[in-house]
Structure formats: structure tokens, C-alpha cells
Amino acid sequence: MAEEHDHLRETDLAPLVDEYGELELTPADDLFERFVVSIVNQLISTEAARTIRARLFEQFEVTPDAMLTAEADALREVGLSPQKVEYVKNVAAWFEENDVTRERFTEMSDAAVTRELTDIRGVGDWTAKMVLMFGLGREDVFPVEDLAVRRGMEDLFGELTRAEMRTLAEAWSPYRSIATLYVWQHYVDGNSNVDDIVA
């Protein structure tokens, strides 16, 4: 068994590791695409996000250059709000202006990456953490900002404040991202109207 799963078996998530097996965190092949997906997913339902993502990727090449040159009206037609059109274009401009690749972040801490990403208008802590986890494959991220994470934790451990959730999750370090996958999976299984995680 992988080291991260050995570690989580020594915590209060052991029953979930037994139930779901070895969940893996696999970083996306394309960092910009993953960034755009996280922006699309901000504060909307799983179903709505899935529909918009499908339309966006069907009708556009999701690259920084293509997003910068795309007409705002055309992006709105696939379901993006005017605000999210702006955010996608802001991220695209940042990628283009800085010639961003995954290697840019190799020597940066999670906190440093978060600070840099949240300097982009439209990118908050939740979006930055989704990029850390699913774009860069960082293993020790705890996205307490995520509603499904909070609901899953409350179901598992009772009513908690965000601060209490952060404290509880410290036992899962240095694999809090992997632990989050288990909390998400538990939440999905307990909600018949949710069949995917908006991340």
C-alpha cells in the first residue's frame, strides 16, 4: 500500500480507506485547462458545471491564446457568466504574459503558489486550492472553503467550525489532499443527487 494510504489508515479516516480502497490524486495533463475548469466550477451545481464544461470544450480550443481571442458573447453562449468570462480571460492573460508552465511552481510552497494565483482577479482561495490539487498534484492541501468538504466532514465528525475542521485535518498531513478525496467520496455516496465532485 502506498505511503499516503498507510498514513491515513492510522487516522480517523481508516474506515473510508477500507471502504473505497486507494484513491489517487492525479494532476491534470494541461494546467491551463484545469485552471479554466476550476473557474467554471465556482459556486454552481455539479450538473450546471458539467454542462458548461462540455459546451466550452466542444466549441473552443481551451488555450490561453484561444480564450483571449474568443468573443465574450460566444463564451457567454456556452453558459459562462459575464464575470466568469472576465476571470477566464484574466487567467489566460496571466498565462500568456508570464509564459506559465508547471515548472514555474516547482520550487514554490503551497502558500506561495496560493498568493501568486489569488493575485489574479477572479481567483480566490478555493480556486487556487483546486489548481494546487488537481493541476499541480500537491498532496497536502485542505480546501475547507469547499461546501462538499464541509458537509462531508460534518456528516463524519459532527457539527464543526471551519477552524475546527482545519485542526482535525492536521492529523491527515502531509496527505490532506488525499484525505479530501475520501471526504468527497463519502459525501457523494451519501447524496443521491450528487454523482460527481465539482472541483
C-alpha atoms as a PDB file:
ATOM      1  CA  MET A   1       0.000   0.000   0.000  1.00  0.00           C
ATOM      2  CA  ALA A   2       1.225   3.491  -0.800  1.00  0.00           C
ATOM      3  CA  GLU A   3       2.696   5.555   1.987  1.00  0.00           C
ATOM      4  CA  GLU A   4      -0.162   8.059   1.983  1.00  0.00           C
ATOM      5  CA  HIS A   5      -2.749   5.320   2.474  1.00  0.00           C
ATOM      6  CA  ASP A   6      -0.690   3.740   5.249  1.00  0.00           C
ATOM      7  CA  HIS A   7      -0.677   7.116   6.963  1.00  0.00           C
ATOM      8  CA  LEU A   8      -4.417   7.688   6.569  1.00  0.00           C
ATOM      9  CA  ARG A   9      -5.129   4.216   7.922  1.00  0.00           C
ATOM     10  CA  GLU A  10      -3.635   5.450  11.199  1.00  0.00           C
ATOM     11  CA  THR A  11      -6.218   8.268  11.393  1.00  0.00           C
ATOM     12  CA  ASP A  12      -9.970   8.567  11.786  1.00  0.00           C
ATOM     13  CA  LEU A  13     -10.300   8.132   8.008  1.00  0.00           C
ATOM     14  CA  ALA A  14      -9.261   4.461   8.210  1.00  0.00           C
ATOM     15  CA  PRO A  15     -12.840   3.206   7.641  1.00  0.00           C
ATOM     16  CA  LEU A  16     -13.075   5.250   4.431  1.00  0.00           C
ATOM     17  CA  VAL A  17      -9.743   3.907   3.163  1.00  0.00           C
ATOM     18  CA  ASP A  18     -11.058   0.392   3.783  1.00  0.00           C
ATOM     19  CA  GLU A  19     -14.348   1.192   2.069  1.00  0.00           C
ATOM     20  CA  TYR A  20     -13.059   2.990  -1.029  1.00  0.00           C
ATOM     21  CA  GLY A  21      -9.606   1.496  -1.475  1.00  0.00           C
ATOM     22  CA  GLU A  22      -6.593   3.528  -2.537  1.00  0.00           C
ATOM     23  CA  LEU A  23      -7.899   6.765  -4.025  1.00  0.00           C
ATOM     24  CA  GLU A  24      -5.242   8.573  -6.039  1.00  0.00           C
ATOM     25  CA  LEU A  25      -4.612  12.237  -6.753  1.00  0.00           C
ATOM     26  CA  THR A  26      -3.719  12.554 -10.421  1.00  0.00           C
ATOM     27  CA  PRO A  27      -2.673  16.002 -11.671  1.00  0.00           C
ATOM     28  CA  ALA A  28      -4.180  17.160 -14.952  1.00  0.00           C
ATOM     29  CA  ASP A  29      -2.058  16.989 -18.087  1.00  0.00           C
ATOM     30  CA  ASP A  30      -2.882  20.587 -19.042  1.00  0.00           C
ATOM     31  CA  LEU A  31      -2.532  23.164 -16.273  1.00  0.00           C
ATOM     32  CA  PHE A  32      -4.417  25.932 -18.075  1.00  0.00           C
ATOM     33  CA  GLU A  33      -7.358  23.682 -18.901  1.00  0.00           C
ATOM     34  CA  ARG A  34      -7.511  22.609 -15.261  1.00  0.00           C
ATOM     35  CA  PHE A  35      -7.470  26.258 -14.184  1.00  0.00           C
ATOM     36  CA  VAL A  36     -10.385  27.061 -16.506  1.00  0.00           C
ATOM     37  CA  VAL A  37     -12.343  24.063 -15.206  1.00  0.00           C
ATOM     38  CA  SER A  38     -11.952  25.360 -11.650  1.00  0.00           C
ATOM     39  CA  ILE A  39     -13.246  28.792 -12.674  1.00  0.00           C
ATOM     40  CA  VAL A  40     -16.233  27.236 -14.457  1.00  0.00           C
ATOM     41  CA  ASN A  41     -16.995  25.201 -11.330  1.00  0.00           C
ATOM     42  CA  GLN A  42     -17.022  28.167  -8.948  1.00  0.00           C
ATOM     43  CA  LEU A  43     -20.254  28.392  -6.945  1.00  0.00           C
ATOM     44  CA  ILE A  44     -22.539  26.421  -9.282  1.00  0.00           C
ATOM     45  CA  SER A  45     -24.136  22.994  -9.168  1.00  0.00           C
ATOM     46  CA  THR A  46     -22.410  19.863 -10.395  1.00  0.00           C
ATOM     47  CA  GLU A  47     -24.904  19.454 -13.231  1.00  0.00           C
ATOM     48  CA  ALA A  48     -24.588  23.048 -14.418  1.00  0.00           C
ATOM     49  CA  ALA A  49     -20.791  22.897 -14.278  1.00  0.00           C
ATOM     50  CA  ARG A  50     -20.693  19.655 -16.260  1.00  0.00           C
ATOM     51  CA  THR A  51     -22.942  21.116 -18.977  1.00  0.00           C
ATOM     52  CA  ILE A  52     -20.930  24.330 -19.309  1.00  0.00           C
ATOM     53  CA  ARG A  53     -17.607  22.475 -19.361  1.00  0.00           C
ATOM     54  CA  ALA A  54     -18.851  20.179 -22.125  1.00  0.00           C
ATOM     55  CA  ARG A  55     -20.051  23.100 -24.258  1.00  0.00           C
ATOM     56  CA  LEU A  56     -16.878  25.101 -23.675  1.00  0.00           C
ATOM     57  CA  PHE A  57     -14.517  22.282 -24.593  1.00  0.00           C
ATOM     58  CA  GLU A  58     -16.655  21.261 -27.570  1.00  0.00           C
ATOM     59  CA  GLN A  59     -16.771  24.732 -29.090  1.00  0.00           C
ATOM     60  CA  PHE A  60     -13.365  26.144 -28.167  1.00  0.00           C
ATOM     61  CA  GLU A  61      -9.758  25.158 -28.008  1.00  0.00           C
ATOM     62  CA  VAL A  62      -9.134  25.859 -24.333  1.00  0.00           C
ATOM     63  CA  THR A  63      -5.733  27.526 -24.531  1.00  0.00           C
ATOM     64  CA  PRO A  64      -4.626  30.938 -23.275  1.00  0.00           C
ATOM     65  CA  ASP A  65      -4.469  32.365 -26.799  1.00  0.00           C
ATOM     66  CA  ALA A  66      -7.856  30.969 -27.811  1.00  0.00           C
ATOM     67  CA  MET A  67      -9.542  32.243 -24.654  1.00  0.00           C
ATOM     68  CA  LEU A  68      -8.028  35.709 -25.081  1.00  0.00           C
ATOM     69  CA  THR A  69      -9.194  35.988 -28.679  1.00  0.00           C
ATOM     70  CA  ALA A  70     -12.631  34.423 -28.117  1.00  0.00           C
ATOM     71  CA  GLU A  71     -15.547  36.833 -28.293  1.00  0.00           C
ATOM     72  CA  ALA A  72     -17.098  37.443 -24.887  1.00  0.00           C
ATOM     73  CA  ASP A  73     -20.568  36.874 -26.344  1.00  0.00           C
ATOM     74  CA  ALA A  74     -19.516  33.463 -27.670  1.00  0.00           C
ATOM     75  CA  LEU A  75     -18.176  32.444 -24.260  1.00  0.00           C
ATOM     76  CA  ARG A  76     -21.395  33.596 -22.626  1.00  0.00           C
ATOM     77  CA  GLU A  77     -23.369  31.486 -25.094  1.00  0.00           C
ATOM     78  CA  VAL A  78     -21.797  28.296 -23.708  1.00  0.00           C
ATOM     79  CA  GLY A  79     -23.032  29.275 -20.251  1.00  0.00           C
ATOM     80  CA  LEU A  80     -20.268  31.337 -18.686  1.00  0.00           C
ATOM     81  CA  SER A  81     -21.479  34.342 -16.741  1.00  0.00           C
ATOM     82  CA  PRO A  82     -20.040  37.743 -17.720  1.00  0.00           C
ATOM     83  CA  GLN A  83     -17.990  37.625 -14.540  1.00  0.00           C
ATOM     84  CA  LYS A  84     -16.528  34.220 -15.361  1.00  0.00           C
ATOM     85  CA  VAL A  85     -15.753  35.315 -18.917  1.00  0.00           C
ATOM     86  CA  GLU A  86     -13.664  38.073 -17.365  1.00  0.00           C
ATOM     87  CA  TYR A  87     -11.986  35.651 -14.971  1.00  0.00           C
ATOM     88  CA  VAL A  88     -11.091  33.166 -17.719  1.00  0.00           C
ATOM     89  CA  LYS A  89      -9.612  35.959 -19.794  1.00  0.00           C
ATOM     90  CA  ASN A  90      -7.678  37.261 -16.767  1.00  0.00           C
ATOM     91  CA  VAL A  91      -6.123  33.836 -16.213  1.00  0.00           C
ATOM     92  CA  ALA A  92      -5.392  33.475 -19.937  1.00  0.00           C
ATOM     93  CA  ALA A  93      -3.635  36.856 -19.978  1.00  0.00           C
ATOM     94  CA  TRP A  94      -1.600  35.894 -16.921  1.00  0.00           C
ATOM     95  CA  PHE A  95      -0.508  32.630 -18.573  1.00  0.00           C
ATOM     96  CA  GLU A  96       0.445  34.445 -21.775  1.00  0.00           C
ATOM     97  CA  GLU A  97       2.232  37.378 -20.132  1.00  0.00           C
ATOM     98  CA  ASN A  98       4.261  35.133 -17.814  1.00  0.00           C
ATOM     99  CA  ASP A  99       4.762  32.183 -20.183  1.00  0.00           C
ATOM    100  CA  VAL A 100       3.419  29.983 -17.392  1.00  0.00           C
ATOM    101  CA  THR A 101       4.283  26.289 -17.258  1.00  0.00           C
ATOM    102  CA  ARG A 102       4.003  23.748 -14.465  1.00  0.00           C
ATOM    103  CA  GLU A 103       7.729  24.138 -13.831  1.00  0.00           C
ATOM    104  CA  ARG A 104       7.173  27.718 -12.681  1.00  0.00           C
ATOM    105  CA  PHE A 105       5.798  26.361  -9.394  1.00  0.00           C
ATOM    106  CA  THR A 106       8.248  23.525  -8.750  1.00  0.00           C
ATOM    107  CA  GLU A 107      10.219  25.286  -6.023  1.00  0.00           C
ATOM    108  CA  MET A 108       7.292  27.243  -4.590  1.00  0.00           C
ATOM    109  CA  SER A 109       5.445  26.299  -1.417  1.00  0.00           C
ATOM    110  CA  ASP A 110       1.700  25.793  -1.490  1.00  0.00           C
ATOM    111  CA  ALA A 111       1.254  29.107   0.330  1.00  0.00           C
ATOM    112  CA  ALA A 112       3.454  30.926  -2.189  1.00  0.00           C
ATOM    113  CA  VAL A 113       1.536  29.438  -5.125  1.00  0.00           C
ATOM    114  CA  THR A 114      -1.745  30.454  -3.493  1.00  0.00           C
ATOM    115  CA  ARG A 115      -0.527  34.012  -3.012  1.00  0.00           C
ATOM    116  CA  GLU A 116       0.520  34.260  -6.651  1.00  0.00           C
ATOM    117  CA  LEU A 117      -2.675  32.759  -8.036  1.00  0.00           C
ATOM    118  CA  THR A 118      -5.007  34.820  -5.874  1.00  0.00           C
ATOM    119  CA  ASP A 119      -3.388  37.983  -7.209  1.00  0.00           C
ATOM    120  CA  ILE A 120      -5.312  37.228 -10.416  1.00  0.00           C
ATOM    121  CA  ARG A 121      -8.737  38.860 -10.340  1.00  0.00           C
ATOM    122  CA  GLY A 122     -11.350  36.123 -10.078  1.00  0.00           C
ATOM    123  CA  VAL A 123      -9.110  33.589  -8.362  1.00  0.00           C
ATOM    124  CA  GLY A 124      -9.858  33.054  -4.689  1.00  0.00           C
ATOM    125  CA  ASP A 125      -8.578  30.541  -2.173  1.00  0.00           C
ATOM    126  CA  TRP A 126     -10.941  27.766  -3.322  1.00  0.00           C
ATOM    127  CA  THR A 127      -9.890  28.064  -6.960  1.00  0.00           C
ATOM    128  CA  ALA A 128      -6.211  28.258  -6.018  1.00  0.00           C
ATOM    129  CA  LYS A 129      -6.526  25.097  -3.928  1.00  0.00           C
ATOM    130  CA  MET A 130      -8.260  23.238  -6.754  1.00  0.00           C
ATOM    131  CA  VAL A 131      -5.355  24.182  -9.024  1.00  0.00           C
ATOM    132  CA  LEU A 132      -2.858  23.088  -6.371  1.00  0.00           C
ATOM    133  CA  MET A 133      -4.556  19.719  -6.010  1.00  0.00           C
ATOM    134  CA  PHE A 134      -5.759  18.866  -9.491  1.00  0.00           C
ATOM    135  CA  GLY A 135      -3.396  20.974 -11.581  1.00  0.00           C
ATOM    136  CA  LEU A 136      -0.133  20.565  -9.685  1.00  0.00           C
ATOM    137  CA  GLY A 137      -0.819  17.377  -7.746  1.00  0.00           C
ATOM    138  CA  ARG A 138       0.091  18.878  -4.372  1.00  0.00           C
ATOM    139  CA  GLU A 139      -0.665  16.269  -1.704  1.00  0.00           C
ATOM    140  CA  ASP A 140      -1.177  18.363   1.424  1.00  0.00           C
ATOM    141  CA  VAL A 141      -3.954  20.813   0.555  1.00  0.00           C
ATOM    142  CA  PHE A 142      -7.120  21.089   2.659  1.00  0.00           C
ATOM    143  CA  PRO A 143      -9.888  23.011   0.827  1.00  0.00           C
ATOM    144  CA  VAL A 144     -12.127  23.836   3.772  1.00  0.00           C
ATOM    145  CA  GLU A 145     -13.704  26.518   1.556  1.00  0.00           C
ATOM    146  CA  ASP A 146     -15.429  23.732  -0.398  1.00  0.00           C
ATOM    147  CA  LEU A 147     -19.054  23.137   0.610  1.00  0.00           C
ATOM    148  CA  ALA A 148     -18.933  19.408  -0.143  1.00  0.00           C
ATOM    149  CA  VAL A 149     -15.849  19.038   2.055  1.00  0.00           C
ATOM    150  CA  ARG A 150     -17.575  20.798   4.934  1.00  0.00           C
ATOM    151  CA  ARG A 151     -20.781  18.805   4.514  1.00  0.00           C
ATOM    152  CA  GLY A 152     -18.823  15.568   4.324  1.00  0.00           C
ATOM    153  CA  MET A 153     -16.849  16.393   7.440  1.00  0.00           C
ATOM    154  CA  GLU A 154     -19.975  17.352   9.359  1.00  0.00           C
ATOM    155  CA  ASP A 155     -21.534  14.029   8.404  1.00  0.00           C
ATOM    156  CA  LEU A 156     -18.429  12.165   9.523  1.00  0.00           C
ATOM    157  CA  PHE A 157     -17.478  14.121  12.617  1.00  0.00           C
ATOM    158  CA  GLY A 158     -20.447  16.260  13.652  1.00  0.00           C
ATOM    159  CA  GLU A 159     -21.011  19.994  13.547  1.00  0.00           C
ATOM    160  CA  LEU A 160     -17.684  21.811  13.349  1.00  0.00           C
ATOM    161  CA  THR A 161     -16.456  25.314  12.613  1.00  0.00           C
ATOM    162  CA  ARG A 162     -14.010  25.792   9.764  1.00  0.00           C
ATOM    163  CA  ALA A 163     -11.253  26.308  12.319  1.00  0.00           C
ATOM    164  CA  GLU A 164     -12.147  23.025  13.994  1.00  0.00           C
ATOM    165  CA  MET A 165     -12.124  21.273  10.627  1.00  0.00           C
ATOM    166  CA  ARG A 166      -8.650  22.617   9.913  1.00  0.00           C
ATOM    167  CA  THR A 167      -7.456  21.383  13.307  1.00  0.00           C
ATOM    168  CA  LEU A 168      -8.976  17.944  12.795  1.00  0.00           C
ATOM    169  CA  ALA A 169      -7.416  17.690   9.332  1.00  0.00           C
ATOM    170  CA  GLU A 170      -3.923  18.338  10.711  1.00  0.00           C
ATOM    171  CA  ALA A 171      -3.768  14.642  11.620  1.00  0.00           C
ATOM    172  CA  TRP A 172      -4.030  13.832   7.903  1.00  0.00           C
ATOM    173  CA  SER A 173      -0.966  15.903   6.966  1.00  0.00           C
ATOM    174  CA  PRO A 174       1.139  15.559   4.837  1.00  0.00           C
ATOM    175  CA  TYR A 175      -1.607  13.927   2.753  1.00  0.00           C
ATOM    176  CA  ARG A 176      -4.581  16.215   3.291  1.00  0.00           C
ATOM    177  CA  SER A 177      -5.340  16.321  -0.442  1.00  0.00           C
ATOM    178  CA  ILE A 178      -5.684  12.533  -0.493  1.00  0.00           C
ATOM    179  CA  ALA A 179      -7.788  12.693   2.669  1.00  0.00           C
ATOM    180  CA  THR A 180     -10.044  15.234   0.976  1.00  0.00           C
ATOM    181  CA  LEU A 181     -10.727  12.745  -1.821  1.00  0.00           C
ATOM    182  CA  TYR A 182     -12.112  10.348   0.787  1.00  0.00           C
ATOM    183  CA  VAL A 183     -14.273  13.022   2.403  1.00  0.00           C
ATOM    184  CA  TRP A 184     -15.615  13.984  -1.034  1.00  0.00           C
ATOM    185  CA  GLN A 185     -16.320  10.353  -1.937  1.00  0.00           C
ATOM    186  CA  HIS A 186     -18.197   9.875   1.322  1.00  0.00           C
ATOM    187  CA  TYR A 187     -20.267  12.976   0.587  1.00  0.00           C
ATOM    188  CA  VAL A 188     -21.078  11.827  -2.962  1.00  0.00           C
ATOM    189  CA  ASP A 189     -22.160   8.393  -1.740  1.00  0.00           C
ATOM    190  CA  GLY A 190     -24.471   9.945   0.823  1.00  0.00           C
ATOM    191  CA  ASN A 191     -26.198  12.287  -1.627  1.00  0.00           C
ATOM    192  CA  SER A 192     -28.202  10.673  -4.384  1.00  0.00           C
ATOM    193  CA  ASN A 193     -28.462  13.991  -6.242  1.00  0.00           C
ATOM    194  CA  VAL A 194     -24.672  14.289  -6.499  1.00  0.00           C
ATOM    195  CA  ASP A 195     -22.761  11.953  -8.786  1.00  0.00           C
ATOM    196  CA  ASP A 196     -19.609  13.953  -9.303  1.00  0.00           C
ATOM    197  CA  ILE A 197     -17.427  16.380  -7.386  1.00  0.00           C
ATOM    198  CA  VAL A 198     -17.348  19.984  -8.526  1.00  0.00           C
ATOM    199  CA  ALA A 199     -13.685  20.717  -8.162  1.00  0.00           C
END
